């Protein structure tokens, strides 16, 4: 019985960690940005699928903006097939790391 209570208490603590509790690590994002720079690293780049779309530069954006945008793509609130696929593959830690990285760029 005690083992079950300890396990339930542990799961309650682990389960209470939210995305808001995660701290972004810009250094860790250096290995994660390769999927972003192909579009977002080209000044004036326009994507042509599914429609012509002006791709924004991410450097200098606020971390909260980047986090919110990626989560909106994950939920389908923002529609762009490529971004929905990429955002869908990201963990909360990945999102925080990318937001920290791009907020420090110019």
Protein backbone atom coordinates (compact mmCIF):
# COMPACT_ATOMS: atom_id res chain seq x y z
CA UNK A 1 0.00 0.00 0.00
CA UNK A 2 2.81 2.42 0.88
CA UNK A 3 4.49 1.76 -2.46
CA UNK A 4 1.30 2.72 -4.28
CA UNK A 5 0.95 5.95 -2.28
CA UNK A 6 4.56 6.89 -2.98
CA UNK A 7 4.07 6.19 -6.69
CA UNK A 8 0.87 8.24 -6.81
CA UNK A 9 2.57 11.11 -4.98
CA UNK A 10 5.49 10.96 -7.43
CA UNK A 11 3.18 10.92 -10.43
CA UNK A 12 1.31 13.89 -9.03
CA UNK A 13 4.53 15.89 -8.76
CA UNK A 14 5.75 14.87 -12.22
CA UNK A 15 2.34 15.47 -13.74
CA UNK A 16 2.21 18.98 -12.33
CA UNK A 17 5.12 20.20 -14.46
CA UNK A 18 3.74 22.38 -17.22
CA UNK A 19 5.14 24.08 -20.31
CA UNK A 20 5.32 27.28 -18.24
CA UNK A 21 7.82 25.57 -15.92
CA UNK A 22 10.25 24.74 -18.74
CA UNK A 23 13.21 27.06 -19.24
CA UNK A 24 14.56 27.50 -22.76
CA UNK A 25 18.21 26.83 -23.47
CA UNK A 26 19.51 28.76 -26.49
CA UNK A 27 22.69 26.65 -26.62
CA UNK A 28 20.66 23.43 -26.84
CA UNK A 29 18.67 24.90 -29.74
CA UNK A 30 21.80 25.19 -31.88
CA UNK A 31 21.28 21.52 -32.75
CA UNK A 32 17.56 22.02 -33.40
CA UNK A 33 17.44 25.02 -35.75
CA UNK A 34 18.41 23.14 -38.92
CA UNK A 35 14.74 22.52 -39.69
CA UNK A 36 14.05 26.26 -39.38
CA UNK A 37 16.88 27.95 -41.25
CA UNK A 38 15.95 26.52 -44.64
CA UNK A 39 13.04 28.98 -44.80
CA UNK A 40 13.34 31.39 -41.89
CA UNK A 41 17.03 32.06 -42.46
CA UNK A 42 16.62 33.48 -45.97
CA UNK A 43 15.81 37.21 -46.09
CA UNK A 44 12.75 37.90 -48.23
CA UNK A 45 11.99 34.21 -48.76
CA UNK A 46 8.51 33.28 -49.95
CA UNK A 47 7.14 29.76 -49.64
CA UNK A 48 4.87 28.67 -52.45
CA UNK A 49 3.00 25.82 -50.78
CA UNK A 50 0.09 25.73 -50.23
CA UNK A 51 0.01 29.38 -51.33
CA UNK A 52 2.58 32.15 -51.71
CA UNK A 53 3.49 33.05 -48.17
CA UNK A 54 6.04 35.60 -46.95
CA UNK A 55 8.21 33.68 -44.47
CA UNK A 56 9.02 35.83 -41.42
CA UNK A 57 12.49 36.19 -40.01
CA UNK A 58 12.58 34.78 -36.47
CA UNK A 59 15.65 36.54 -35.09
CA UNK A 60 14.78 39.06 -32.39
CA UNK A 61 11.19 37.89 -31.95
CA UNK A 62 10.02 37.63 -28.36
CA UNK A 63 10.25 34.11 -26.92
CA UNK A 64 6.56 34.18 -25.95
CA UNK A 65 5.55 35.00 -29.55
CA UNK A 66 7.58 32.08 -30.93
CA UNK A 67 6.24 29.69 -28.28
CA UNK A 68 2.64 30.76 -28.89
CA UNK A 69 3.00 30.50 -32.67
CA UNK A 70 4.48 26.99 -32.50
CA UNK A 71 1.79 25.82 -30.10
CA UNK A 72 -0.90 27.31 -32.38
CA UNK A 73 0.55 25.30 -35.28
CA UNK A 74 0.52 22.17 -33.11
CA UNK A 75 -3.15 22.69 -32.27
CA UNK A 76 -4.13 23.53 -35.85
CA UNK A 77 -5.09 27.08 -34.90
CA UNK A 78 -2.53 28.36 -37.39
CA UNK A 79 -2.67 26.71 -40.78
CA UNK A 80 0.39 25.93 -42.80
CA UNK A 81 1.05 22.26 -43.59
CA UNK A 82 4.84 22.46 -43.30
CA UNK A 83 4.75 24.38 -40.03
CA UNK A 84 2.06 22.13 -38.58
CA UNK A 85 4.24 19.10 -39.34
CA UNK A 86 7.37 20.66 -37.88
CA UNK A 87 5.63 22.05 -34.79
CA UNK A 88 3.89 18.73 -34.25
CA UNK A 89 7.27 17.04 -33.91
CA UNK A 90 8.49 19.43 -31.19
CA UNK A 91 8.43 18.81 -27.46
CA UNK A 92 7.72 21.58 -24.96
CA UNK A 93 11.47 21.71 -24.27
CA UNK A 94 12.25 22.03 -28.00
CA UNK A 95 9.81 24.94 -28.27
CA UNK A 96 11.32 26.71 -25.25
CA UNK A 97 14.85 26.16 -26.59
CA UNK A 98 14.00 27.48 -30.06
CA UNK A 99 12.23 30.50 -28.57
CA UNK A 100 15.26 31.29 -26.39
CA UNK A 101 17.63 30.89 -29.36
CA UNK A 102 15.72 33.07 -31.80
CA UNK A 103 14.98 35.78 -29.25
CA UNK A 104 18.74 36.26 -28.88
CA UNK A 105 19.38 36.52 -32.64
CA UNK A 106 19.38 39.73 -34.65
